[in-house]
N, C-alpha and C. Protein backbone atom coordinates (compact mmCIF):
# COMPACT_ATOMS: atom_id res chain seq x y z
N MET A 1 0.74 -0.90 0.16
CA MET A 1 0.11 -0.28 0.12
C MET A 1 1.10 1.56 -0.13
N VAL A 2 0.12 2.27 -0.80
CA VAL A 2 1.42 3.58 -0.98
C VAL A 2 0.53 4.75 0.12
N ALA A 3 0.96 5.57 0.68
CA ALA A 3 0.66 6.51 1.59
C ALA A 3 0.50 7.67 0.19
N LEU A 4 -0.84 8.21 0.12
CA LEU A 4 -1.46 9.22 -0.40
C LEU A 4 -1.53 10.48 0.30
N PHE A 5 -0.63 11.27 -0.66
CA PHE A 5 -1.03 12.78 0.46
C PHE A 5 -1.87 13.79 0.19
N LEU A 6 -3.14 13.82 0.22
CA LEU A 6 -4.60 14.53 -0.89
C LEU A 6 -4.78 15.74 0.45
N LEU A 7 -5.38 16.49 -0.47
CA LEU A 7 -6.03 17.79 -0.23
C LEU A 7 -7.41 17.51 0.47
N LYS A 8 -7.87 17.74 1.79
CA LYS A 8 -8.84 17.54 2.23
C LYS A 8 -10.02 17.79 1.36
N LYS A 9 -11.30 17.18 1.32
CA LYS A 9 -12.33 17.16 0.81
C LYS A 9 -13.04 18.19 1.06
N LYS A 10 -13.06 19.17 0.78
CA LYS A 10 -13.80 20.63 1.88
C LYS A 10 -13.76 21.56 1.26
N LYS A 11 -15.12 22.46 1.27
CA LYS A 11 -15.08 23.36 -0.06
C LYS A 11 -14.68 24.48 0.56
N MET A 12 -13.72 25.54 0.09
CA MET A 12 -12.85 26.66 0.52
C MET A 12 -12.57 27.35 -0.62
N ASN A 13 -12.42 28.63 -0.44
CA ASN A 13 -11.95 29.49 -1.42
C ASN A 13 -10.55 29.79 -2.05
N LYS A 14 -10.31 30.24 -2.52
CA LYS A 14 -9.09 30.60 -3.26
C LYS A 14 -7.96 31.24 -2.17
N GLU A 15 -8.35 31.92 -1.22
CA GLU A 15 -7.63 32.37 0.22
C GLU A 15 -7.69 31.28 0.98
N THR A 16 -8.07 30.17 0.56
CA THR A 16 -7.77 29.44 2.46
C THR A 16 -7.21 28.21 2.09
N SER A 17 -6.38 27.80 3.22
CA SER A 17 -5.62 27.07 3.20
C SER A 17 -6.40 25.59 2.98
N PRO A 18 -5.72 24.69 1.95
CA PRO A 18 -6.16 23.60 1.76
C PRO A 18 -6.00 22.13 2.52
N ILE A 19 -5.52 23.01 3.32
CA ILE A 19 -5.39 21.42 4.57
C ILE A 19 -5.21 22.34 6.03
N SER A 20 -5.43 21.68 7.10
CA SER A 20 -5.41 22.13 8.18
C SER A 20 -3.75 21.13 8.58
N ARG A 21 -3.27 20.27 7.92
CA ARG A 21 -1.84 20.10 7.89
C ARG A 21 -1.63 19.56 6.54
N PRO A 22 -0.48 19.69 6.12
CA PRO A 22 -0.31 20.14 4.66
C PRO A 22 -0.83 18.46 3.86
N PHE A 23 -0.45 17.78 4.70
CA PHE A 23 -0.72 15.87 4.06
C PHE A 23 -1.45 14.90 5.18
N SER A 24 -2.62 14.68 4.57
CA SER A 24 -3.59 13.91 5.43
C SER A 24 -3.26 12.64 4.94
N VAL A 25 -3.09 11.36 5.22
CA VAL A 25 -2.51 9.99 4.62
C VAL A 25 -3.70 9.53 4.60
N VAL A 26 -3.88 8.82 3.24
CA VAL A 26 -4.67 7.77 2.71
C VAL A 26 -4.09 6.63 2.08
N MET A 27 -4.63 5.30 1.86
CA MET A 27 -4.04 4.55 1.59
C MET A 27 -4.93 4.26 0.20
N GLU A 28 -4.01 3.81 -0.56
CA GLU A 28 -4.26 3.39 -1.95
C GLU A 28 -3.45 2.09 -2.63
N THR A 29 -4.72 1.59 -3.01
CA THR A 29 -3.45 0.56 -4.03
C THR A 29 -2.47 0.59 -4.26
N PRO A 30 -1.01 -0.13 -4.72
CA PRO A 30 -0.12 -0.11 -5.29
C PRO A 30 0.04 0.95 -6.81
N GLU A 31 0.62 1.43 -7.25
CA GLU A 31 0.89 2.15 -8.25
C GLU A 31 1.97 1.46 -9.04
N ARG A 32 1.84 1.48 -10.47
CA ARG A 32 2.49 0.93 -11.50
C ARG A 32 4.08 1.53 -11.29
N ARG A 33 5.12 1.04 -11.52
CA ARG A 33 6.38 1.45 -11.06
C ARG A 33 6.67 2.42 -12.24
N ASP A 34 6.27 2.51 -13.20
CA ASP A 34 6.93 3.72 -13.93
C ASP A 34 5.58 5.13 -13.67
N ALA A 35 4.82 5.18 -13.16
CA ALA A 35 3.78 6.20 -12.44
C ALA A 35 4.75 6.84 -11.73
N PRO A 36 4.12 8.46 -12.03
CA PRO A 36 4.87 9.12 -11.03
C PRO A 36 4.15 9.27 -9.59
N SER A 37 5.58 9.28 -8.72
CA SER A 37 5.03 9.32 -7.39
C SER A 37 4.01 10.00 -6.57
N VAL A 38 3.41 9.41 -5.54
CA VAL A 38 2.66 10.22 -4.85
C VAL A 38 2.72 12.08 -5.19
N THR A 39 4.14 12.35 -4.55
CA THR A 39 4.15 13.90 -4.21
C THR A 39 4.33 14.61 -5.77
N ASP A 40 5.43 13.85 -6.81
CA ASP A 40 4.93 14.48 -7.94
C ASP A 40 4.05 14.62 -8.66
N ARG A 41 2.51 13.70 -8.49
CA ARG A 41 1.60 13.93 -8.98
C ARG A 41 0.48 15.23 -8.66
N TYR A 42 0.82 15.38 -7.48
CA TYR A 42 0.44 16.38 -6.79
C TYR A 42 1.12 17.58 -6.49
N TYR A 43 2.00 18.00 -6.94
CA TYR A 43 3.29 19.64 -6.65
C TYR A 43 4.44 18.90 -7.48
N THR A 44 4.73 19.98 -8.15
CA THR A 44 5.58 20.90 -8.80
C THR A 44 6.89 20.74 -8.15
N ARG A 45 7.94 20.38 -8.05
CA ARG A 45 9.12 20.45 -7.20
C ARG A 45 10.44 21.33 -7.90
N TRP A 46 10.33 22.29 -6.93
CA TRP A 46 11.32 22.90 -7.47
C TRP A 46 12.28 23.11 -6.18
N TYR A 47 13.78 23.89 -6.56
CA TYR A 47 15.26 23.26 -5.85
C TYR A 47 15.91 24.85 -5.63
N LYS A 48 16.77 24.81 -5.00
CA LYS A 48 17.72 25.65 -4.49
C LYS A 48 18.72 25.25 -3.88
N THR A 49 19.53 25.55 -4.60
CA THR A 49 20.90 24.68 -4.28
C THR A 49 22.56 25.63 -4.02
N ASP A 50 23.00 25.20 -2.93
CA ASP A 50 23.64 26.07 -2.39
C ASP A 50 23.22 27.00 -1.66
N VAL A 51 22.59 26.83 -0.62
CA VAL A 51 21.57 28.01 -0.47
C VAL A 51 22.50 29.16 0.84
N LYS A 52 22.73 30.42 0.53
CA LYS A 52 23.73 31.15 0.88
C LYS A 52 25.31 30.79 0.84
N GLY A 53 25.12 30.53 -0.55
CA GLY A 53 26.61 29.96 -0.62
C GLY A 53 27.29 28.62 -0.20
N LYS A 54 26.73 27.87 0.84
CA LYS A 54 26.93 26.78 1.56
C LYS A 54 26.65 25.28 0.48
N PRO A 55 27.84 25.13 0.11
CA PRO A 55 27.86 23.85 -1.07
C PRO A 55 26.90 22.70 -0.10
N ARG A 56 26.07 22.53 -1.18
CA ARG A 56 25.13 21.27 -1.18
C ARG A 56 24.42 21.23 -0.16
N GLU A 57 24.02 22.51 0.54
CA GLU A 57 23.03 22.49 1.26
C GLU A 57 21.74 22.99 0.39
N ASP A 58 21.00 22.05 -0.05
CA ASP A 58 20.27 22.23 -1.03
C ASP A 58 18.58 21.83 -0.52
N HIS A 59 17.80 23.01 -0.93
CA HIS A 59 16.40 22.59 -0.27
C HIS A 59 15.47 22.73 -1.44
N CYS A 60 14.72 21.70 -1.21
CA CYS A 60 13.41 21.36 -1.99
C CYS A 60 11.97 22.24 -1.81
N ILE A 61 11.33 23.17 -2.75
CA ILE A 61 10.24 23.60 -2.52
C ILE A 61 9.00 22.74 -3.42
N LEU A 62 7.87 22.06 -3.01
CA LEU A 62 6.73 21.05 -3.48
C LEU A 62 5.79 22.60 -3.79
N GLN A 63 5.62 22.89 -4.66
CA GLN A 63 4.36 23.93 -5.29
C GLN A 63 3.21 22.82 -5.17
N HIS A 64 2.43 23.83 -4.83
CA HIS A 64 1.12 23.13 -5.53
C HIS A 64 -0.17 23.92 -6.23
N SER A 65 -1.20 23.54 -6.82
CA SER A 65 -1.19 24.35 -7.94
C SER A 65 -2.35 25.29 -7.50
N ASN A 66 -2.92 25.35 -5.99
CA ASN A 66 -3.28 26.64 -5.06
C ASN A 66 -2.28 27.55 -4.16
N ARG A 67 -0.96 27.35 -4.89
CA ARG A 67 -0.65 28.13 -4.42
C ARG A 67 0.51 28.01 -3.07
N ILE A 68 -0.08 26.79 -2.32
CA ILE A 68 0.58 26.32 -1.56
C ILE A 68 1.81 25.51 -1.95
N CYS A 69 3.07 26.51 -0.69
CA CYS A 69 4.50 25.87 -1.32
C CYS A 69 4.78 24.90 -0.09
N VAL A 70 5.66 23.89 -0.23
CA VAL A 70 5.91 22.56 1.55
C VAL A 70 7.26 22.74 0.96
N ILE A 71 7.93 23.41 2.05
CA ILE A 71 9.74 23.30 2.37
C ILE A 71 10.26 21.98 2.77
N THR A 72 10.85 21.39 1.86
CA THR A 72 11.44 20.50 2.43
C THR A 72 13.27 20.54 2.29
N LEU A 73 13.93 19.28 3.07
CA LEU A 73 15.23 18.86 2.21
C LEU A 73 15.41 18.71 0.93
N ALA A 74 16.41 19.24 0.19
CA ALA A 74 16.59 18.63 -1.31
C ALA A 74 17.05 17.01 -0.67
N GLU A 75 17.03 16.14 -1.55
CA GLU A 75 17.30 14.83 -1.33
C GLU A 75 19.23 14.88 -1.34
N SER A 76 19.94 15.69 -1.84
CA SER A 76 21.27 16.04 -2.03
C SER A 76 21.40 16.61 -1.20
N HIS A 77 20.70 17.05 0.35
CA HIS A 77 21.12 17.90 1.51
C HIS A 77 21.78 16.85 2.36
N PRO A 78 23.35 17.92 2.61
CA PRO A 78 23.92 17.06 3.88
C PRO A 78 23.58 15.99 4.53
N ILE A 79 22.34 16.66 5.20
CA ILE A 79 21.45 15.75 6.63
C ILE A 79 21.22 14.47 6.42
N LEU A 80 20.88 14.67 5.01
CA LEU A 80 20.03 13.02 4.23
C LEU A 80 21.47 12.14 3.85
N GLN A 81 22.69 12.50 3.79
CA GLN A 81 23.56 11.50 3.29
C GLN A 81 23.33 10.56 4.25
N LYS A 82 24.00 9.53 3.90
CA LYS A 82 24.16 8.14 4.87
C LYS A 82 25.11 8.33 5.69
N GLY A 83 24.86 7.88 7.18
CA GLY A 83 25.44 7.88 8.25
C GLY A 83 25.23 9.31 9.11
N ARG A 84 24.35 9.96 8.59
CA ARG A 84 23.78 11.22 9.42
C ARG A 84 22.63 10.42 10.60
N ALA A 85 22.92 11.11 11.43
CA ALA A 85 21.62 11.17 12.33
C ALA A 85 21.31 12.91 12.61
N VAL A 86 19.97 13.11 13.01
CA VAL A 86 19.72 14.52 14.23
C VAL A 86 19.97 14.21 15.41
N LYS A 87 20.24 15.36 16.06
CA LYS A 87 20.27 15.31 17.45
C LYS A 87 18.68 16.01 17.94
N SER A 88 18.83 17.31 17.08
CA SER A 88 17.84 18.65 17.51
C SER A 88 17.25 18.88 16.59
N ILE A 89 16.14 19.90 16.41
CA ILE A 89 15.91 20.54 15.24
C ILE A 89 14.98 22.00 16.23
N ASN A 90 15.38 23.07 16.18
CA ASN A 90 15.20 23.82 17.08
C ASN A 90 14.12 25.44 15.61
N TYR A 91 12.94 25.48 16.05
CA TYR A 91 12.58 26.02 15.36
C TYR A 91 12.54 28.04 15.86
N GLN A 92 13.33 28.14 17.18
CA GLN A 92 13.62 29.35 17.76
C GLN A 92 14.84 30.08 16.78
N ILE A 93 14.53 30.73 16.24
CA ILE A 93 15.10 31.49 15.69
C ILE A 93 15.96 32.43 16.16
N SER A 94 15.74 33.04 16.82
CA SER A 94 16.31 34.26 17.36
C SER A 94 15.76 34.50 18.82
N ALA A 95 15.87 34.84 19.76
CA ALA A 95 15.23 35.16 21.01
C ALA A 95 14.02 35.85 21.16
N GLY A 96 13.64 36.78 19.96
CA GLY A 96 12.37 36.84 20.20
C GLY A 96 11.59 37.19 18.93
N CYS A 97 12.35 35.85 18.23
CA CYS A 97 11.66 34.75 16.84
C CYS A 97 11.49 33.32 17.47
N SER A 98 10.27 32.80 17.41
CA SER A 98 10.05 31.23 16.74
C SER A 98 8.69 31.18 16.18
N ARG A 99 9.19 30.38 15.44
CA ARG A 99 8.14 29.46 14.17
C ARG A 99 7.13 29.19 14.80
N LEU A 100 7.28 28.68 16.23
CA LEU A 100 6.26 27.62 16.87
C LEU A 100 5.31 28.77 17.54
N ASN A 101 5.45 29.80 17.78
CA ASN A 101 4.33 30.67 17.67
C ASN A 101 3.80 31.30 16.44
N ASN A 102 3.60 31.23 15.30
CA ASN A 102 3.14 31.59 14.09
C ASN A 102 1.68 31.02 14.16
N LYS A 103 1.00 32.08 14.20
CA LYS A 103 -0.52 31.80 14.58
C LYS A 103 -1.14 32.59 13.29
N VAL A 104 -2.29 31.77 12.88
CA VAL A 104 -2.90 32.32 11.36
C VAL A 104 -4.30 32.14 11.94
N SER A 105 -5.64 32.89 11.56
CA SER A 105 -6.39 32.98 11.25
C SER A 105 -7.59 33.40 10.29
N GLY A 106 -8.66 32.79 10.31
CA GLY A 106 -9.53 33.12 9.18
C GLY A 106 -8.85 32.26 7.83
N LYS A 107 -10.04 32.64 7.02
CA LYS A 107 -9.93 32.29 5.15
C LYS A 107 -8.84 32.68 4.65
N SER A 108 -8.87 33.68 4.89
CA SER A 108 -7.37 34.68 4.41
C SER A 108 -5.80 33.86 5.12
N LYS A 109 -6.02 33.19 6.14
CA LYS A 109 -5.30 32.90 6.87
C LYS A 109 -4.26 33.95 6.95
N ARG A 110 -5.17 34.94 7.78
CA ARG A 110 -3.93 36.64 8.35
C ARG A 110 -3.22 35.81 9.68
N GLY A 111 -2.35 36.85 9.78
CA GLY A 111 -1.95 36.86 11.53
C GLY A 111 -0.28 36.19 10.99
N GLY A 112 -0.01 35.22 10.13
CA GLY A 112 1.43 34.29 9.60
C GLY A 112 2.27 34.77 9.84
N GLN A 113 3.28 34.68 10.20
CA GLN A 113 5.03 35.11 10.16
C GLN A 113 4.88 35.68 8.67
N PHE A 114 5.08 36.73 8.43
CA PHE A 114 5.60 36.64 6.82
C PHE A 114 6.91 36.62 6.04
N LEU A 115 7.68 36.07 5.29
CA LEU A 115 8.80 35.68 5.34
C LEU A 115 9.15 36.18 3.79
N THR A 116 11.19 36.52 4.25
CA THR A 116 11.50 37.05 2.86
C THR A 116 11.83 35.66 1.97
N GLU A 117 12.57 35.49 1.26
CA GLU A 117 13.87 34.12 0.58
C GLU A 117 14.47 33.71 1.63
N LEU A 118 15.30 34.25 1.74
CA LEU A 118 15.96 33.75 2.89
C LEU A 118 16.17 33.89 4.05
N ALA A 119 14.63 34.03 4.68
CA ALA A 119 14.02 34.06 6.33
C ALA A 119 14.35 32.58 6.67
N PRO A 120 15.56 32.47 7.92
CA PRO A 120 15.48 30.94 8.57
C PRO A 120 14.11 30.33 9.19
N LEU A 121 14.10 28.89 8.67
CA LEU A 121 12.87 28.78 8.97
C LEU A 121 12.96 27.82 10.48
N CYS A 122 14.53 27.05 10.56
CA CYS A 122 14.95 26.48 11.67
C CYS A 122 16.48 25.88 11.66
N ARG A 123 16.75 25.40 12.83
CA ARG A 123 18.06 25.09 12.71
C ARG A 123 17.86 23.66 13.13
N ILE A 124 18.73 22.82 12.40
CA ILE A 124 19.06 21.31 12.99
C ILE A 124 20.46 20.81 12.96
N THR A 125 20.44 20.52 14.48
CA THR A 125 21.94 19.84 14.31
C THR A 125 21.87 18.29 14.82
N CYS A 126 23.33 18.02 14.03
CA CYS A 126 23.38 16.47 13.87
C CYS A 126 24.07 15.47 14.73
N THR A 127 24.02 14.39 14.98
CA THR A 127 24.93 14.02 16.33
C THR A 127 26.60 14.32 16.20
N ASP A 128 26.90 14.74 14.79
CA ASP A 128 28.30 14.89 14.65
C ASP A 128 28.78 16.55 15.26
N GLY A 129 27.70 17.18 15.87
CA GLY A 129 27.67 18.77 15.88
C GLY A 129 27.75 20.03 15.07
N VAL A 130 27.39 19.22 13.95
CA VAL A 130 27.28 20.20 12.66
C VAL A 130 25.92 20.90 12.65
N GLU A 131 25.50 22.17 12.77
CA GLU A 131 24.30 22.46 12.44
C GLU A 131 24.10 23.02 11.32
N TYR A 132 22.90 22.93 10.84
CA TYR A 132 22.54 23.63 9.43
C TYR A 132 20.63 24.45 9.70
N THR A 133 21.14 25.47 9.09
CA THR A 133 20.32 25.84 9.24
C THR A 133 19.34 26.33 7.55
N ILE A 134 17.77 26.02 7.98
CA ILE A 134 16.90 26.22 6.35
C ILE A 134 16.20 26.96 6.48
N TYR A 135 16.19 27.50 5.20
CA TYR A 135 15.75 28.82 4.78
C TYR A 135 14.53 28.20 3.94
N SER A 136 13.43 29.83 3.85
CA SER A 136 12.21 29.70 3.31
C SER A 136 12.43 29.30 1.88
N CYS A 137 13.39 30.20 1.33
CA CYS A 137 13.44 29.92 -0.21
C CYS A 137 12.74 30.65 -1.00
N ILE A 138 11.35 31.18 -0.45
CA ILE A 138 10.21 31.93 -1.47
C ILE A 138 9.88 32.78 -0.45
N ARG A 139 9.02 34.07 -0.70
CA ARG A 139 8.53 35.35 -0.43
C ARG A 139 6.47 34.62 -0.09
N GLY A 140 6.89 34.92 1.54
CA GLY A 140 5.49 34.23 1.28
C GLY A 140 4.98 34.59 2.98
N ARG A 141 4.07 33.75 3.37
CA ARG A 141 3.24 33.66 4.81
C ARG A 141 3.71 32.40 5.18
N LEU A 142 3.92 32.21 6.56
CA LEU A 142 4.00 31.19 7.12
C LEU A 142 2.42 30.36 7.91
N LEU A 143 2.35 29.34 6.74
CA LEU A 143 1.65 28.83 7.68
C LEU A 143 1.49 27.83 8.75
N GLU A 144 2.22 27.39 8.67
CA GLU A 144 2.60 25.95 9.53
C GLU A 144 3.87 25.42 9.74
N VAL A 145 4.71 25.15 10.60
CA VAL A 145 5.43 24.59 10.84
C VAL A 145 5.47 23.27 10.75
N ASN A 146 5.96 21.81 10.92
CA ASN A 146 5.88 20.40 11.44
C ASN A 146 6.56 20.41 12.65
N GLU A 147 5.68 20.50 13.92
CA GLU A 147 5.93 19.82 14.61
C GLU A 147 6.33 18.39 15.43
N ASP A 148 5.43 17.31 14.33
CA ASP A 148 6.74 16.02 14.25
C ASP A 148 7.66 15.57 14.37
N ILE A 149 8.29 16.72 13.60
CA ILE A 149 9.75 16.07 13.64
C ILE A 149 10.58 16.71 14.53
N LEU A 150 9.63 17.44 15.62
CA LEU A 150 10.48 17.95 16.69
C LEU A 150 10.62 16.60 17.98
N ALA A 151 9.29 15.56 17.56
CA ALA A 151 9.32 14.40 18.34
C ALA A 151 10.21 13.45 18.07
N GLN A 152 9.91 13.27 16.59
CA GLN A 152 10.39 12.80 15.62
C GLN A 152 11.68 12.57 14.64
N PRO A 153 13.18 13.17 15.05
CA PRO A 153 13.40 13.80 14.16
C PRO A 153 13.73 12.33 12.93
N SER A 154 13.86 10.97 12.99
CA SER A 154 13.67 10.50 11.87
C SER A 154 13.11 10.77 10.94
N ILE A 155 11.71 10.96 11.21
CA ILE A 155 10.90 11.36 10.02
C ILE A 155 11.54 12.10 8.97
N LEU A 156 12.25 13.37 9.51
CA LEU A 156 13.37 13.91 8.50
C LEU A 156 14.16 13.33 7.55
N LEU A 157 14.60 11.85 8.07
CA LEU A 157 15.54 11.27 7.29
C LEU A 157 14.85 10.79 6.45
N GLU A 158 13.53 9.84 7.16
CA GLU A 158 12.88 8.75 6.21
C GLU A 158 12.09 9.22 5.28
N LYS A 159 11.74 10.26 5.40
CA LYS A 159 10.52 10.64 4.93
C LYS A 159 10.74 12.37 4.60
N PRO A 160 11.47 13.09 4.06
CA PRO A 160 11.87 14.37 3.25
C PRO A 160 11.09 14.74 2.97
N SER A 161 10.04 14.48 1.73
CA SER A 161 9.11 14.87 0.76
C SER A 161 7.69 15.24 1.28
N THR A 162 7.64 14.03 2.61
CA THR A 162 6.18 13.61 3.05
C THR A 162 6.16 14.30 4.48
N GLU A 163 6.10 13.07 5.66
CA GLU A 163 6.05 13.22 6.79
C GLU A 163 6.57 14.32 7.01
N GLY A 164 8.32 14.31 6.60
CA GLY A 164 9.58 15.00 7.02
C GLY A 164 9.71 16.69 6.56
N TYR A 165 8.35 17.05 6.61
CA TYR A 165 8.62 18.24 5.96
C TYR A 165 9.12 19.28 6.56
N ILE A 166 9.39 20.70 6.56
CA ILE A 166 9.62 21.80 7.07
C ILE A 166 8.52 22.34 7.68
N ALA A 167 8.45 23.01 6.42
CA ALA A 167 7.06 23.96 6.87
C ALA A 167 6.74 24.39 5.30
N VAL A 168 4.97 25.08 6.10
CA VAL A 168 4.25 25.48 4.12
C VAL A 168 4.08 26.69 4.45
N ILE A 169 4.12 27.35 3.52
CA ILE A 169 4.30 28.83 3.08
C ILE A 169 2.89 29.12 2.37
N LEU A 170 2.59 30.21 2.40
CA LEU A 170 1.54 30.44 1.14
C LEU A 170 2.16 32.15 0.27
N PRO A 171 2.06 32.06 -0.39
CA PRO A 171 2.58 32.74 -1.19
C PRO A 171 2.19 34.15 -1.79
N LYS A 172 2.09 35.06 -1.58
CA LYS A 172 0.83 36.67 -2.15
C LYS A 172 0.12 36.16 -3.52
N PHE A 173 -0.76 36.49 -3.21
CA PHE A 173 -1.38 35.77 -4.91
C PHE A 173 -0.87 36.88 -5.59
N ASP A 174 -0.75 37.97 -5.76
CA ASP A 174 -0.05 38.56 -7.20
C ASP A 174 1.44 38.14 -7.01
N GLU A 175 1.81 37.19 -6.27
CA GLU A 175 3.51 37.00 -6.42
C GLU A 175 3.42 35.37 -6.69
N SER A 176 2.10 35.05 -6.71
CA SER A 176 2.38 33.32 -6.48
C SER A 176 2.98 32.87 -8.01
N LYS A 177 2.95 33.52 -9.53
CA LYS A 177 3.65 33.39 -10.81
C LYS A 177 4.80 33.25 -10.93
N ARG A 178 5.44 34.64 -9.60
CA ARG A 178 6.72 34.41 -9.58
C ARG A 178 7.12 34.32 -9.13
N VAL A 179 6.60 33.24 -7.95
CA VAL A 179 7.70 33.05 -6.44
C VAL A 179 8.79 32.01 -7.27
N THR A 180 8.32 31.15 -8.05
CA THR A 180 9.54 30.20 -8.05
C THR A 180 10.70 31.11 -9.15
N GLU A 181 10.87 32.14 -9.31
CA GLU A 181 12.02 32.86 -10.31
C GLU A 181 13.12 32.76 -9.45
N GLY A 182 14.45 32.08 -10.02
CA GLY A 182 15.41 32.11 -9.46
C GLY A 182 15.56 30.65 -8.95
N LEU A 183 14.66 29.92 -8.75
CA LEU A 183 14.60 28.19 -8.54
C LEU A 183 15.21 27.86 -9.37
N LEU A 184 15.13 26.31 -9.11
CA LEU A 184 16.00 25.17 -10.38
C LEU A 184 14.55 24.49 -10.75
N SER A 185 14.30 24.52 -11.65
CA SER A 185 13.64 22.71 -12.08
C SER A 185 14.19 21.79 -11.68
N ARG A 186 13.42 20.67 -12.14
CA ARG A 186 13.77 19.13 -11.57
C ARG A 186 14.84 18.49 -12.25
N ALA A 187 14.72 18.91 -13.85
CA ALA A 187 15.33 18.33 -14.25
C ALA A 187 17.08 19.57 -14.37
N GLU A 188 16.90 21.10 -14.01
CA GLU A 188 18.07 21.97 -14.01
C GLU A 188 18.96 21.19 -12.66
N TYR A 189 17.78 20.92 -11.70
CA TYR A 189 18.31 20.45 -10.48
C TYR A 189 19.20 19.42 -10.58
N GLU A 190 18.92 17.98 -11.50
CA GLU A 190 19.42 17.11 -11.39
C GLU A 190 20.82 17.69 -12.37
N ASP A 191 20.44 18.45 -13.59
CA ASP A 191 22.31 18.84 -14.16
C ASP A 191 23.14 19.39 -13.28
N VAL A 192 23.02 19.59 -12.05
CA VAL A 192 23.47 20.31 -10.55
C VAL A 192 24.16 19.05 -9.99
N ILE A 193 23.55 18.15 -9.67
CA ILE A 193 23.75 17.11 -9.14
C ILE A 193 24.71 16.81 -9.64
N SER A 194 24.03 15.75 -11.25
CA SER A 194 25.21 15.14 -11.93
C SER A 194 27.24 16.09 -12.61
N LYS A 195 26.91 17.44 -12.52
CA LYS A 195 27.93 17.84 -12.20
C LYS A 195 28.65 17.90 -11.24
N ARG A 196 27.94 18.06 -10.35
CA ARG A 196 28.45 18.05 -9.25
C ARG A 196 29.40 16.91 -8.88
N ALA A 197 29.05 15.24 -9.66
CA ALA A 197 29.75 13.88 -9.44
C ALA A 197 30.63 13.75 -9.92
N THR A 198 30.62 14.71 -11.31
CA THR A 198 31.83 14.63 -12.24
C THR A 198 33.24 15.52 -11.74
N GLN A 199 33.11 16.47 -10.32
CA GLN A 199 33.85 17.02 -10.32
C GLN A 199 34.97 16.34 -9.44
N GLN A 200 36.24 16.64 -9.99
CA GLN A 200 37.59 15.64 -9.19
C GLN A 200 37.83 17.14 -7.87
N PRO A 201 37.81 16.02 -6.79
CA PRO A 201 38.07 16.63 -5.45
C PRO A 201 39.62 17.59 -5.87
N GLU A 202 39.30 18.70 -5.30
CA GLU A 202 40.68 19.38 -5.04
C GLU A 202 41.61 18.96 -4.76
N LEU A 203 43.04 19.34 -5.09
CA LEU A 203 44.43 18.56 -4.79
C LEU A 203 45.03 18.89 -3.35
N CYS A 204 45.48 18.53 -2.05
CA CYS A 204 45.92 19.32 -1.40
C CYS A 204 46.93 19.80 -1.28
């Protein structure tokens, strides 16, 4: 059985968040091997590589047709490489700013924290002591963060594109068509990864 992540079947207008959680799990019959994944069926993948100039710290943005964007780690991010384990995840950005305190209300989801492209969402510390900051990568209003990964960090490693997501962001309506400018398509991202693999290591 395959976990299918669908929008809740509710009447809603264009400004309404389609989900009280970004993904609600429904079971479906097995898919053909050549069929697109559940995520790829409902979302378009966009990528930002080497975020803030940090090598391989790549992020993925899953964009739904209703403007909702789900921020996740790209599969090439150092956190997701073999042998890594997560020690802690912290949504406390500064003394006066915690993403956990984000509150939205109403059909237009008013009140959520507004994020710029490089607004930090959380900090993830691995068991080897290395800390990584995860960024929004797009402009928009923060709808929610994934509190489930705080209690169970392993979800982030096992299912980064689904249950292990970082946050959900709603771009402004008039910016929704431009929000992916500067991001890479799946094909462009794979080309970047392919070129990385062929690069020779620097000599000491």
